[in-house]
Every structure is written in structure tokens, then in C-alpha cells.
Amino acid sequence: MRKNPAQRGFLLLLTLVNNFVIVSTRSSFIIFYYGLHLLGFNSLKVATHNGFAHEDNQIYSMKTKIGLLTLLASSALVQATPSDSVAFDLDFKSYYYSEYVSPFGRLLYDGLVVQSEATIWAKFRDLPGKFYIVSWASTSFEGWNANKGTEMDYSMGWKGDIGNGVNLNLWVTYLDLLPVGTMPGKNDQVRLFVELDRKFAYESLLFTPFVRFEVPHVVHNCKDRSGLRVYAGVRTAWEFAPKWFLSNKTSLLFDDGATGLQPGTFFDFKISLSWQATEWLSIEPLNFRWITPLTSVSDGRKTWRILGIGATAKL
């Protein structure tokens, strides 16, 4: 279906906002470039001093470009759904980290990375909960596809209250791993997630226990390289001064040896300081994570300390 000028302008604005919020990083450049391409600016050609961006057929395969449609899926929803029956929320995040360490303690890149994320939430009037789609990108400063710091993930899911204040979050993620753009690549994974949590509030403190189940599958070898990971812990958020928040996530990870790694138990601690700069923009000047194995493993996972800084925008 051909987009009218108003729809193109709306989607172009979203792309520009995303590019601004995540401070012109390499991953934001990819999103920006392909946002324009998918909006119909097919003649656009971009060249940079290090050859980072080229013609579209030189960066990603067609399958990957289809995956990038997750960033712009609101276009189809806007065309197909009356505005009074659905409400949209848009989140944009970008963080710099001193290293890229996976949620289960595996070092993927020992150096500075930038990781950016765009999420579209859809709340339908006649359906419970919210549906969402996510596009996430990571890259180091050595160049695109230069190392395991390069990754793109695509997710879709549903989150809602299932009674007694308990929230259920169900989602599936496709991980386009190095070399990115060869979907389905030999290292790519599909992960299924189920998470339950419940929020408790006491004055300015928010306390959220959670449990998460993760079932990963390596695309080309599901039989021998699947498994189960279980995360259990608590998230806290404390407004200790007007517009200033101290947040923490403390959890245990139980890994049964998924995707060829060794079975083990890990402790993961994360603390962050954030400032609510405006109603829609939050800046995180300090982010610290410490993850360490509680059992003996010899698959490269050990104690890691990661520093970060970032920002979040909600529209």
C-alpha cells in the first residue's frame, strides 16, 4: 500500500527522533538510513569516511531489511486500525557500555560498545494488556561486523496483568549474531521468554520481585544446543530527591548448560542513577553491573564489572 505524505512525515519524524535520542551512534545511523529507505527514499546513497554505510544491498540481505520493519510497524497499524481503538507508546533507549557482557555472564566484546533500542507499544481498546515490538542493535567502534560487539535483535511480545497485581510478560526474540545480515546465520538464535513479576510500593520506593524463564535455540543446531535459563530476583526504584532515582536489579541465574555452555549458577547485581530531565526524557549518568559465577565453570564466564551511561525517551 502506498503511504500518503502525512504517513511518511509521521514515520520520518519517528526515525529522526530516534536518531537524535541515541546521539548519532553507528547503530542509530543504521536505523536512520534504513528508516528513510523503507519510507520510500530508495535513491538515497550514503558514504562515510570509513565505508561504514554503503548501498543497501551491501549492508544487509533482504531478510535483514524485512527484520528492520519492526521499527516502522506502526505504519501498518495506523493504516489498519481506527485511532480510537488503539493507543501507541514509543520508547527509545541508547547506552554506552565499557564491555558487552550477555545477561548470562558471557563476554562478547571486551571494549566500548553502544547499544540502542526502539520499542513500539500498542494498547488495543478491546484486548487486555499491551503488545509490543522491539528492534535492538549493538556495535563497537571497530566497525560493523568487525567483532561480536555487533548484533541486531528483533522481538515481539505481550505484557499484562493476569490478576492480583501479577504481571505476565511473554516474548520471542530473534538474535542476528555475527556475521550480522546473513539471516538465518550459523550462530543466530531464537529465544522464548516468560516472566512474572509483582510490584509493591512503599512511599517513594518501588519493589518488584520477578522470575524469568528463557528457552534459547541455536537456529542451525536446535537439538544439541538448546536448554533452559532461569532468572529470579528483585528490581527496586527509589526517588531519593525530586526527579532523581536510584534503581537496582539483583538476581540469581540458573543455567542448565544452554547453547553449549556449562551448567552454572550466577549472581548478577546492577545499580543505576537517573535524572528525569523532562516528562519524556530520562538521563542515566551512571550505570554499574557486577556479575560473577557462584559455581565453578570453565567456559570463559567469570567475574565482570561493567560501566555504562545512557538515556531513555518515551513518546
C-alpha atoms as a PDB file:
ATOM      1  CA  MET A   1       0.000   0.000   0.000  1.00  0.00           C
ATOM      2  CA  ARG A   2       1.417   3.418  -0.946  1.00  0.00           C
ATOM      3  CA  LYS A   3       1.952   5.733   2.041  1.00  0.00           C
ATOM      4  CA  ASN A   4       0.440   9.207   1.792  1.00  0.00           C
ATOM      5  CA  PRO A   5       2.573  12.268   2.650  1.00  0.00           C
ATOM      6  CA  ALA A   6       1.146  12.542   6.177  1.00  0.00           C
ATOM      7  CA  GLN A   7       2.043   8.949   6.984  1.00  0.00           C
ATOM      8  CA  ARG A   8       5.525   9.350   5.522  1.00  0.00           C
ATOM      9  CA  GLY A   9       6.041  12.502   7.524  1.00  0.00           C
ATOM     10  CA  PHE A  10       4.911  10.794  10.734  1.00  0.00           C
ATOM     11  CA  LEU A  11       7.261   7.847  10.257  1.00  0.00           C
ATOM     12  CA  LEU A  12      10.140  10.067   9.186  1.00  0.00           C
ATOM     13  CA  LEU A  13       9.663  12.088  12.376  1.00  0.00           C
ATOM     14  CA  LEU A  14       9.912   8.892  14.450  1.00  0.00           C
ATOM     15  CA  THR A  15      13.117   7.966  12.662  1.00  0.00           C
ATOM     16  CA  LEU A  16      14.605  11.432  13.210  1.00  0.00           C
ATOM     17  CA  VAL A  17      13.650  11.415  16.891  1.00  0.00           C
ATOM     18  CA  ASN A  18      15.270   8.002  17.303  1.00  0.00           C
ATOM     19  CA  ASN A  19      18.437   9.221  15.623  1.00  0.00           C
ATOM     20  CA  PHE A  20      18.552  12.290  17.889  1.00  0.00           C
ATOM     21  CA  VAL A  21      17.847  10.486  21.146  1.00  0.00           C
ATOM     22  CA  ILE A  22      20.543   7.889  20.668  1.00  0.00           C
ATOM     23  CA  VAL A  23      23.103  10.591  19.980  1.00  0.00           C
ATOM     24  CA  SER A  24      24.112   9.753  16.450  1.00  0.00           C
ATOM     25  CA  THR A  25      25.792   6.445  17.214  1.00  0.00           C
ATOM     26  CA  ARG A  26      26.641   3.944  14.499  1.00  0.00           C
ATOM     27  CA  SER A  27      23.658   1.795  15.346  1.00  0.00           C
ATOM     28  CA  SER A  28      21.373   4.828  15.231  1.00  0.00           C
ATOM     29  CA  PHE A  29      22.839   5.659  11.811  1.00  0.00           C
ATOM     30  CA  ILE A  30      21.766   2.241  10.525  1.00  0.00           C
ATOM     31  CA  ILE A  31      18.253   2.744  11.889  1.00  0.00           C
ATOM     32  CA  PHE A  32      18.107   6.240  10.401  1.00  0.00           C
ATOM     33  CA  TYR A  33      19.388   5.150   6.984  1.00  0.00           C
ATOM     34  CA  TYR A  34      17.036   2.206   6.669  1.00  0.00           C
ATOM     35  CA  GLY A  35      14.167   4.169   8.112  1.00  0.00           C
ATOM     36  CA  LEU A  36      14.499   6.522   5.154  1.00  0.00           C
ATOM     37  CA  HIS A  37      14.902   3.599   2.767  1.00  0.00           C
ATOM     38  CA  LEU A  38      11.778   1.825   3.985  1.00  0.00           C
ATOM     39  CA  LEU A  39       9.827   5.062   3.837  1.00  0.00           C
ATOM     40  CA  GLY A  40      10.432   5.014   0.105  1.00  0.00           C
ATOM     41  CA  PHE A  41      13.555   7.120  -0.371  1.00  0.00           C
ATOM     42  CA  ASN A  42      15.074   4.338  -2.454  1.00  0.00           C
ATOM     43  CA  SER A  43      17.542   6.537  -4.287  1.00  0.00           C
ATOM     44  CA  LEU A  44      19.343   7.530  -1.090  1.00  0.00           C
ATOM     45  CA  LYS A  45      23.065   6.750  -1.195  1.00  0.00           C
ATOM     46  CA  VAL A  46      25.293   7.255   1.809  1.00  0.00           C
ATOM     47  CA  ALA A  47      29.047   7.081   2.145  1.00  0.00           C
ATOM     48  CA  THR A  48      31.164   7.748   5.225  1.00  0.00           C
ATOM     49  CA  HIS A  49      34.870   8.234   5.783  1.00  0.00           C
ATOM     50  CA  ASN A  50      35.373   4.626   6.894  1.00  0.00           C
ATOM     51  CA  GLY A  51      32.980   2.982   4.490  1.00  0.00           C
ATOM     52  CA  PHE A  52      30.556   2.170   7.307  1.00  0.00           C
ATOM     53  CA  ALA A  53      27.467   2.743   5.186  1.00  0.00           C
ATOM     54  CA  HIS A  54      27.154   1.807   1.521  1.00  0.00           C
ATOM     55  CA  GLU A  55      24.366   0.902  -0.847  1.00  0.00           C
ATOM     56  CA  ASP A  56      21.589  -1.008   0.897  1.00  0.00           C
ATOM     57  CA  ASN A  57      22.391  -4.252  -0.889  1.00  0.00           C
ATOM     58  CA  GLN A  58      25.952  -4.120   0.521  1.00  0.00           C
ATOM     59  CA  ILE A  59      24.994  -3.915   4.200  1.00  0.00           C
ATOM     60  CA  TYR A  60      22.097  -6.286   4.732  1.00  0.00           C
ATOM     61  CA  SER A  61      20.368  -9.056   2.936  1.00  0.00           C
ATOM     62  CA  MET A  62      16.721  -8.670   2.039  1.00  0.00           C
ATOM     63  CA  LYS A  63      15.757 -10.798   5.023  1.00  0.00           C
ATOM     64  CA  THR A  64      17.504  -8.420   7.378  1.00  0.00           C
ATOM     65  CA  LYS A  65      15.807  -5.402   5.860  1.00  0.00           C
ATOM     66  CA  ILE A  66      12.493  -7.127   6.423  1.00  0.00           C
ATOM     67  CA  GLY A  67      13.523  -7.519  10.045  1.00  0.00           C
ATOM     68  CA  LEU A  68      14.154  -3.791  10.310  1.00  0.00           C
ATOM     69  CA  LEU A  69      10.477  -3.225   9.567  1.00  0.00           C
ATOM     70  CA  THR A  70       9.917  -3.791  13.287  1.00  0.00           C
ATOM     71  CA  LEU A  71      10.995  -0.177  13.749  1.00  0.00           C
ATOM     72  CA  LEU A  72       8.276   1.057  11.418  1.00  0.00           C
ATOM     73  CA  ALA A  73       5.477  -1.430  12.051  1.00  0.00           C
ATOM     74  CA  SER A  74       3.339   1.348  13.465  1.00  0.00           C
ATOM     75  CA  SER A  75       2.700   2.384   9.864  1.00  0.00           C
ATOM     76  CA  ALA A  76       0.659  -0.748   9.157  1.00  0.00           C
ATOM     77  CA  LEU A  77      -1.185  -0.427  12.457  1.00  0.00           C
ATOM     78  CA  VAL A  78      -2.032   3.206  11.761  1.00  0.00           C
ATOM     79  CA  GLN A  79      -3.436   2.292   8.357  1.00  0.00           C
ATOM     80  CA  ALA A  80      -5.388  -0.761   9.546  1.00  0.00           C
ATOM     81  CA  THR A  81      -6.755   0.366  12.926  1.00  0.00           C
ATOM     82  CA  PRO A  82      -9.028   3.284  13.804  1.00  0.00           C
ATOM     83  CA  SER A  83      -7.245   5.747  16.082  1.00  0.00           C
ATOM     84  CA  ASP A  84      -9.927   5.499  18.811  1.00  0.00           C
ATOM     85  CA  SER A  85      -9.419   1.722  19.221  1.00  0.00           C
ATOM     86  CA  VAL A  86      -5.658   1.635  19.800  1.00  0.00           C
ATOM     87  CA  ALA A  87      -3.118   3.786  21.612  1.00  0.00           C
ATOM     88  CA  PHE A  88       0.597   3.795  20.855  1.00  0.00           C
ATOM     89  CA  ASP A  89       3.615   4.447  23.041  1.00  0.00           C
ATOM     90  CA  LEU A  90       7.146   4.755  21.705  1.00  0.00           C
ATOM     91  CA  ASP A  91      10.318   4.167  23.716  1.00  0.00           C
ATOM     92  CA  PHE A  92      13.872   4.875  22.576  1.00  0.00           C
ATOM     93  CA  LYS A  93      16.990   3.928  24.547  1.00  0.00           C
ATOM     94  CA  SER A  94      20.702   4.167  23.979  1.00  0.00           C
ATOM     95  CA  TYR A  95      23.598   3.195  26.247  1.00  0.00           C
ATOM     96  CA  TYR A  96      27.377   3.128  26.091  1.00  0.00           C
ATOM     97  CA  TYR A  97      28.987   0.215  27.967  1.00  0.00           C
ATOM     98  CA  SER A  98      32.624  -0.458  28.813  1.00  0.00           C
ATOM     99  CA  GLU A  99      32.177  -4.098  27.680  1.00  0.00           C
ATOM    100  CA  TYR A 100      29.426  -6.212  26.159  1.00  0.00           C
ATOM    101  CA  VAL A 101      28.567  -8.983  28.626  1.00  0.00           C
ATOM    102  CA  SER A 102      25.447 -11.059  27.974  1.00  0.00           C
ATOM    103  CA  PRO A 103      22.646 -11.403  30.566  1.00  0.00           C
ATOM    104  CA  PHE A 104      24.031 -14.872  31.406  1.00  0.00           C
ATOM    105  CA  GLY A 105      27.606 -13.709  32.003  1.00  0.00           C
ATOM    106  CA  ARG A 106      29.341 -14.373  28.696  1.00  0.00           C
ATOM    107  CA  LEU A 107      31.813 -11.767  27.456  1.00  0.00           C
ATOM    108  CA  LEU A 108      31.019 -10.977  23.832  1.00  0.00           C
ATOM    109  CA  TYR A 109      33.281  -7.964  23.354  1.00  0.00           C
ATOM    110  CA  ASP A 110      35.982  -6.575  25.629  1.00  0.00           C
ATOM    111  CA  GLY A 111      35.715  -2.924  24.675  1.00  0.00           C
ATOM    112  CA  LEU A 112      33.384   0.045  24.367  1.00  0.00           C
ATOM    113  CA  VAL A 113      30.031  -0.681  22.706  1.00  0.00           C
ATOM    114  CA  VAL A 114      26.925   1.359  22.024  1.00  0.00           C
ATOM    115  CA  GLN A 115      23.571  -0.407  22.278  1.00  0.00           C
ATOM    116  CA  SER A 116      20.353   1.193  21.073  1.00  0.00           C
ATOM    117  CA  GLU A 117      16.741   0.070  21.222  1.00  0.00           C
ATOM    118  CA  ALA A 118      13.405   1.202  19.780  1.00  0.00           C
ATOM    119  CA  THR A 119      10.107  -0.173  21.171  1.00  0.00           C
ATOM    120  CA  ILE A 120       6.562   0.344  19.889  1.00  0.00           C
ATOM    121  CA  TRP A 121       3.759  -0.448  22.362  1.00  0.00           C
ATOM    122  CA  ALA A 122       0.176  -0.947  21.203  1.00  0.00           C
ATOM    123  CA  LYS A 123      -2.775  -0.929  23.614  1.00  0.00           C
ATOM    124  CA  PHE A 124      -5.979  -2.134  21.939  1.00  0.00           C
ATOM    125  CA  ARG A 125      -9.226  -0.980  23.483  1.00  0.00           C
ATOM    126  CA  ASP A 126     -10.910  -4.407  23.391  1.00  0.00           C
ATOM    127  CA  LEU A 127      -7.884  -6.532  24.356  1.00  0.00           C
ATOM    128  CA  PRO A 128      -6.121  -6.931  27.700  1.00  0.00           C
ATOM    129  CA  GLY A 129      -2.526  -5.885  28.238  1.00  0.00           C
ATOM    130  CA  LYS A 130      -0.183  -4.375  25.669  1.00  0.00           C
ATOM    131  CA  PHE A 131       1.509  -5.769  22.564  1.00  0.00           C
ATOM    132  CA  TYR A 132       4.972  -4.602  21.592  1.00  0.00           C
ATOM    133  CA  ILE A 133       7.762  -4.948  19.052  1.00  0.00           C
ATOM    134  CA  VAL A 134      11.428  -4.147  19.657  1.00  0.00           C
ATOM    135  CA  SER A 135      14.444  -3.554  17.447  1.00  0.00           C
ATOM    136  CA  TRP A 136      17.798  -3.607  19.274  1.00  0.00           C
ATOM    137  CA  ALA A 137      21.294  -3.004  17.893  1.00  0.00           C
ATOM    138  CA  SER A 138      24.807  -3.225  19.289  1.00  0.00           C
ATOM    139  CA  THR A 139      28.113  -2.232  17.745  1.00  0.00           C
ATOM    140  CA  SER A 140      31.686  -1.498  18.752  1.00  0.00           C
ATOM    141  CA  PHE A 141      33.804   1.299  17.318  1.00  0.00           C
ATOM    142  CA  GLU A 142      35.993  -1.060  15.309  1.00  0.00           C
ATOM    143  CA  GLY A 143      33.412  -1.197  12.538  1.00  0.00           C
ATOM    144  CA  TRP A 144      30.221  -3.004  11.688  1.00  0.00           C
ATOM    145  CA  ASN A 145      30.564  -6.820  11.766  1.00  0.00           C
ATOM    146  CA  ALA A 146      34.169  -6.472  12.960  1.00  0.00           C
ATOM    147  CA  ASN A 147      33.605  -8.496  16.149  1.00  0.00           C
ATOM    148  CA  LYS A 148      30.942  -9.959  18.465  1.00  0.00           C
ATOM    149  CA  GLY A 149      30.098  -6.480  19.679  1.00  0.00           C
ATOM    150  CA  THR A 150      27.945  -6.279  16.536  1.00  0.00           C
ATOM    151  CA  GLU A 151      24.450  -7.719  16.918  1.00  0.00           C
ATOM    152  CA  MET A 152      20.855  -6.984  15.981  1.00  0.00           C
ATOM    153  CA  ASP A 153      17.840  -8.454  17.810  1.00  0.00           C
ATOM    154  CA  TYR A 154      14.160  -8.391  16.898  1.00  0.00           C
ATOM    155  CA  SER A 155      11.453  -9.087  19.483  1.00  0.00           C
ATOM    156  CA  MET A 156       7.691  -9.173  19.736  1.00  0.00           C
ATOM    157  CA  GLY A 157       5.556  -9.901  22.757  1.00  0.00           C
ATOM    158  CA  TRP A 158       2.648  -9.202  25.094  1.00  0.00           C
ATOM    159  CA  LYS A 159       2.573  -7.894  28.653  1.00  0.00           C
ATOM    160  CA  GLY A 160      -0.376  -7.547  31.005  1.00  0.00           C
ATOM    161  CA  ASP A 161      -1.922  -8.025  34.449  1.00  0.00           C
ATOM    162  CA  ILE A 162      -3.238 -11.576  34.967  1.00  0.00           C
ATOM    163  CA  GLY A 163      -4.803 -10.934  38.375  1.00  0.00           C
ATOM    164  CA  ASN A 164      -3.860  -9.987  41.931  1.00  0.00           C
ATOM    165  CA  GLY A 165      -1.361  -7.474  40.608  1.00  0.00           C
ATOM    166  CA  VAL A 166       0.764 -10.145  38.924  1.00  0.00           C
ATOM    167  CA  ASN A 167       2.149  -9.147  35.526  1.00  0.00           C
ATOM    168  CA  LEU A 168       2.871 -11.680  32.790  1.00  0.00           C
ATOM    169  CA  ASN A 169       5.336 -10.895  30.020  1.00  0.00           C
ATOM    170  CA  LEU A 170       5.629 -13.254  27.025  1.00  0.00           C
ATOM    171  CA  TRP A 171       8.007 -12.588  24.164  1.00  0.00           C
ATOM    172  CA  VAL A 172      10.182 -14.139  21.484  1.00  0.00           C
ATOM    173  CA  THR A 173      13.496 -12.741  20.242  1.00  0.00           C
ATOM    174  CA  TYR A 174      15.479 -13.452  17.103  1.00  0.00           C
ATOM    175  CA  LEU A 175      19.202 -12.765  17.614  1.00  0.00           C
ATOM    176  CA  ASP A 176      21.031 -11.880  14.401  1.00  0.00           C
ATOM    177  CA  LEU A 177      24.590 -12.617  15.536  1.00  0.00           C
ATOM    178  CA  LEU A 178      27.982 -12.205  13.884  1.00  0.00           C
ATOM    179  CA  PRO A 179      28.082 -12.051  10.935  1.00  0.00           C
ATOM    180  CA  VAL A 180      25.005  -9.819  11.115  1.00  0.00           C
ATOM    181  CA  GLY A 181      22.912  -9.683   7.965  1.00  0.00           C
ATOM    182  CA  THR A 182      23.088 -13.363   6.989  1.00  0.00           C
ATOM    183  CA  MET A 183      19.726 -14.453   8.419  1.00  0.00           C
ATOM    184  CA  PRO A 184      19.478 -17.250   9.225  1.00  0.00           C
ATOM    185  CA  GLY A 185      23.158 -17.257  10.141  1.00  0.00           C
ATOM    186  CA  LYS A 186      25.048 -20.198  11.594  1.00  0.00           C
ATOM    187  CA  ASN A 187      25.293 -18.506  15.001  1.00  0.00           C
ATOM    188  CA  ASP A 188      21.804 -16.978  15.103  1.00  0.00           C
ATOM    189  CA  GLN A 189      19.446 -17.856  17.936  1.00  0.00           C
ATOM    190  CA  VAL A 190      15.746 -17.770  18.760  1.00  0.00           C
ATOM    191  CA  ARG A 191      14.861 -17.284  22.414  1.00  0.00           C
ATOM    192  CA  LEU A 192      11.489 -17.704  24.091  1.00  0.00           C
ATOM    193  CA  PHE A 193      10.828 -15.834  27.349  1.00  0.00           C
ATOM    194  CA  VAL A 194       8.208 -15.978  30.091  1.00  0.00           C
ATOM    195  CA  GLU A 195       8.412 -13.553  33.005  1.00  0.00           C
ATOM    196  CA  LEU A 196       6.210 -12.996  36.053  1.00  0.00           C
ATOM    197  CA  ASP A 197       6.513 -10.037  38.424  1.00  0.00           C
ATOM    198  CA  ARG A 198       4.542  -8.127  41.017  1.00  0.00           C
ATOM    199  CA  LYS A 199       5.063  -4.526  42.085  1.00  0.00           C
ATOM    200  CA  PHE A 200       4.948  -3.328  45.677  1.00  0.00           C
ATOM    201  CA  ALA A 201       5.117   0.359  46.609  1.00  0.00           C
ATOM    202  CA  TYR A 202       6.106   1.940  49.896  1.00  0.00           C
ATOM    203  CA  GLU A 203       6.254   5.728  49.900  1.00  0.00           C
ATOM    204  CA  SER A 204       8.955   6.607  47.324  1.00  0.00           C
ATOM    205  CA  LEU A 205      10.255   3.030  46.997  1.00  0.00           C
ATOM    206  CA  LEU A 206       9.073   0.599  44.317  1.00  0.00           C
ATOM    207  CA  PHE A 207       9.893  -3.069  44.924  1.00  0.00           C
ATOM    208  CA  THR A 208       9.334  -5.686  42.175  1.00  0.00           C
ATOM    209  CA  PRO A 209      10.190  -9.380  42.656  1.00  0.00           C
ATOM    210  CA  PHE A 210      10.389 -11.310  39.378  1.00  0.00           C
ATOM    211  CA  VAL A 211      11.133 -14.695  37.868  1.00  0.00           C
ATOM    212  CA  ARG A 212      12.056 -15.236  34.223  1.00  0.00           C
ATOM    213  CA  PHE A 213      12.332 -18.411  32.146  1.00  0.00           C
ATOM    214  CA  GLU A 214      14.392 -18.398  28.956  1.00  0.00           C
ATOM    215  CA  VAL A 215      14.482 -21.187  26.357  1.00  0.00           C
ATOM    216  CA  PRO A 216      17.200 -20.483  23.747  1.00  0.00           C
ATOM    217  CA  HIS A 217      17.674 -22.358  20.472  1.00  0.00           C
ATOM    218  CA  VAL A 218      20.590 -22.100  18.076  1.00  0.00           C
ATOM    219  CA  VAL A 219      18.927 -21.875  14.664  1.00  0.00           C
ATOM    220  CA  HIS A 220      21.139 -24.424  12.884  1.00  0.00           C
ATOM    221  CA  ASN A 221      21.547 -26.878  15.742  1.00  0.00           C
ATOM    222  CA  CYS A 222      18.473 -26.773  17.986  1.00  0.00           C
ATOM    223  CA  LYS A 223      18.733 -30.413  19.078  1.00  0.00           C
ATOM    224  CA  ASP A 224      22.163 -30.208  20.681  1.00  0.00           C
ATOM    225  CA  ARG A 225      22.346 -26.536  21.616  1.00  0.00           C
ATOM    226  CA  SER A 226      19.124 -25.586  23.377  1.00  0.00           C
ATOM    227  CA  GLY A 227      18.436 -25.545  27.112  1.00  0.00           C
ATOM    228  CA  LEU A 228      16.883 -23.518  29.919  1.00  0.00           C
ATOM    229  CA  ARG A 229      17.904 -20.470  31.926  1.00  0.00           C
ATOM    230  CA  VAL A 230      16.005 -19.237  34.976  1.00  0.00           C
ATOM    231  CA  TYR A 231      16.438 -15.746  36.434  1.00  0.00           C
ATOM    232  CA  ALA A 232      14.979 -14.882  39.860  1.00  0.00           C
ATOM    233  CA  GLY A 233      15.421 -11.640  41.730  1.00  0.00           C
ATOM    234  CA  VAL A 234      14.090  -8.223  42.587  1.00  0.00           C
ATOM    235  CA  ARG A 235      14.080  -4.778  40.993  1.00  0.00           C
ATOM    236  CA  THR A 236      13.903  -1.638  43.117  1.00  0.00           C
ATOM    237  CA  ALA A 237      13.472   2.029  42.269  1.00  0.00           C
ATOM    238  CA  TRP A 238      13.812   4.843  44.820  1.00  0.00           C
ATOM    239  CA  GLU A 239      13.113   8.531  44.211  1.00  0.00           C
ATOM    240  CA  PHE A 240      15.547   9.936  46.758  1.00  0.00           C
ATOM    241  CA  ALA A 241      15.180  13.531  45.535  1.00  0.00           C
ATOM    242  CA  PRO A 242      12.805  15.279  43.135  1.00  0.00           C
ATOM    243  CA  LYS A 243      13.392  13.793  39.666  1.00  0.00           C
ATOM    244  CA  TRP A 244      16.381  11.736  40.859  1.00  0.00           C
ATOM    245  CA  PHE A 245      16.142   7.947  41.033  1.00  0.00           C
ATOM    246  CA  LEU A 246      18.352   5.142  42.276  1.00  0.00           C
ATOM    247  CA  SER A 247      17.478   1.811  40.658  1.00  0.00           C
ATOM    248  CA  ASN A 248      18.759  -1.677  41.335  1.00  0.00           C
ATOM    249  CA  LYS A 249      18.306  -5.182  39.960  1.00  0.00           C
ATOM    250  CA  THR A 250      19.660  -8.098  41.956  1.00  0.00           C
ATOM    251  CA  SER A 251      19.160 -11.620  40.637  1.00  0.00           C
ATOM    252  CA  LEU A 252      20.352 -15.206  40.543  1.00  0.00           C
ATOM    253  CA  LEU A 253      20.745 -17.045  37.238  1.00  0.00           C
ATOM    254  CA  PHE A 254      20.455 -20.803  36.945  1.00  0.00           C
ATOM    255  CA  ASP A 255      21.856 -22.075  33.640  1.00  0.00           C
ATOM    256  CA  ASP A 256      21.462 -25.776  32.779  1.00  0.00           C
ATOM    257  CA  GLY A 257      24.150 -25.573  30.085  1.00  0.00           C
ATOM    258  CA  ALA A 258      22.083 -23.899  27.379  1.00  0.00           C
ATOM    259  CA  THR A 259      23.556 -23.360  23.886  1.00  0.00           C
ATOM    260  CA  GLY A 260      26.659 -25.404  24.582  1.00  0.00           C
ATOM    261  CA  LEU A 261      27.826 -23.572  27.730  1.00  0.00           C
ATOM    262  CA  GLN A 262      28.441 -25.283  31.048  1.00  0.00           C
ATOM    263  CA  PRO A 263      25.789 -25.584  33.767  1.00  0.00           C
ATOM    264  CA  GLY A 264      26.215 -22.988  36.484  1.00  0.00           C
ATOM    265  CA  THR A 265      24.706 -20.512  38.918  1.00  0.00           C
ATOM    266  CA  PHE A 266      25.495 -16.792  38.734  1.00  0.00           C
ATOM    267  CA  PHE A 267      24.896 -13.675  40.817  1.00  0.00           C
ATOM    268  CA  ASP A 268      24.022 -10.503  38.909  1.00  0.00           C
ATOM    269  CA  PHE A 269      23.904  -7.042  40.516  1.00  0.00           C
ATOM    270  CA  LYS A 270      23.089  -3.813  38.695  1.00  0.00           C
ATOM    271  CA  ILE A 271      22.672  -0.291  40.056  1.00  0.00           C
ATOM    272  CA  SER A 272      21.969   2.939  38.189  1.00  0.00           C
ATOM    273  CA  LEU A 273      21.433   6.628  38.852  1.00  0.00           C
ATOM    274  CA  SER A 274      18.962   8.514  36.659  1.00  0.00           C
ATOM    275  CA  TRP A 275      17.605  12.026  36.316  1.00  0.00           C
ATOM    276  CA  GLN A 276      14.140  12.741  34.892  1.00  0.00           C
ATOM    277  CA  ALA A 277      15.215  15.683  32.760  1.00  0.00           C
ATOM    278  CA  THR A 278      11.776  16.225  31.206  1.00  0.00           C
ATOM    279  CA  GLU A 279       8.444  14.438  31.188  1.00  0.00           C
ATOM    280  CA  TRP A 280       9.650  12.302  28.288  1.00  0.00           C
ATOM    281  CA  LEU A 281      13.452  12.200  28.665  1.00  0.00           C
ATOM    282  CA  SER A 282      15.450  10.376  31.338  1.00  0.00           C
ATOM    283  CA  ILE A 283      19.255  10.603  31.509  1.00  0.00           C
ATOM    284  CA  GLU A 284      21.319   7.916  33.224  1.00  0.00           C
ATOM    285  CA  PRO A 285      24.769   9.333  34.092  1.00  0.00           C
ATOM    286  CA  LEU A 286      25.860   6.225  35.977  1.00  0.00           C
ATOM    287  CA  ASN A 287      25.195   2.528  35.405  1.00  0.00           C
ATOM    288  CA  PHE A 288      27.218  -0.232  37.074  1.00  0.00           C
ATOM    289  CA  ARG A 289      26.845  -4.002  36.731  1.00  0.00           C
ATOM    290  CA  TRP A 290      28.675  -6.791  38.539  1.00  0.00           C
ATOM    291  CA  ILE A 291      28.128 -10.425  37.556  1.00  0.00           C
ATOM    292  CA  THR A 292      30.023 -13.402  38.980  1.00  0.00           C
ATOM    293  CA  PRO A 293      29.707 -17.205  38.946  1.00  0.00           C
ATOM    294  CA  LEU A 294      28.717 -18.908  42.206  1.00  0.00           C
ATOM    295  CA  THR A 295      29.702 -22.326  40.880  1.00  0.00           C
ATOM    296  CA  SER A 296      32.816 -23.448  39.062  1.00  0.00           C
ATOM    297  CA  VAL A 297      32.688 -23.024  35.271  1.00  0.00           C
ATOM    298  CA  SER A 298      35.476 -23.124  32.691  1.00  0.00           C
ATOM    299  CA  ASP A 299      33.640 -21.782  29.635  1.00  0.00           C
ATOM    300  CA  GLY A 300      35.088 -18.270  29.883  1.00  0.00           C
ATOM    301  CA  ARG A 301      32.421 -16.887  32.191  1.00  0.00           C
ATOM    302  CA  LYS A 302      33.940 -15.199  35.232  1.00  0.00           C
ATOM    303  CA  THR A 303      33.530 -12.038  37.290  1.00  0.00           C
ATOM    304  CA  TRP A 304      32.832  -8.975  35.179  1.00  0.00           C
ATOM    305  CA  ARG A 305      32.367  -5.306  36.118  1.00  0.00           C
ATOM    306  CA  ILE A 306      30.687  -3.129  33.514  1.00  0.00           C
ATOM    307  CA  LEU A 307      30.204   0.630  33.493  1.00  0.00           C
ATOM    308  CA  GLY A 308      27.595   2.406  31.417  1.00  0.00           C
ATOM    309  CA  ILE A 309      25.872   5.693  30.607  1.00  0.00           C
ATOM    310  CA  GLY A 310      22.717   6.292  28.614  1.00  0.00           C
ATOM    311  CA  ALA A 311      19.347   7.916  28.034  1.00  0.00           C
ATOM    312  CA  THR A 312      15.698   6.913  27.560  1.00  0.00           C
ATOM    313  CA  ALA A 313      12.925   8.761  25.748  1.00  0.00           C
ATOM    314  CA  LYS A 314       9.207   7.939  25.985  1.00  0.00           C
ATOM    315  CA  LEU A 315       6.783   9.423  23.470  1.00  0.00           C
END
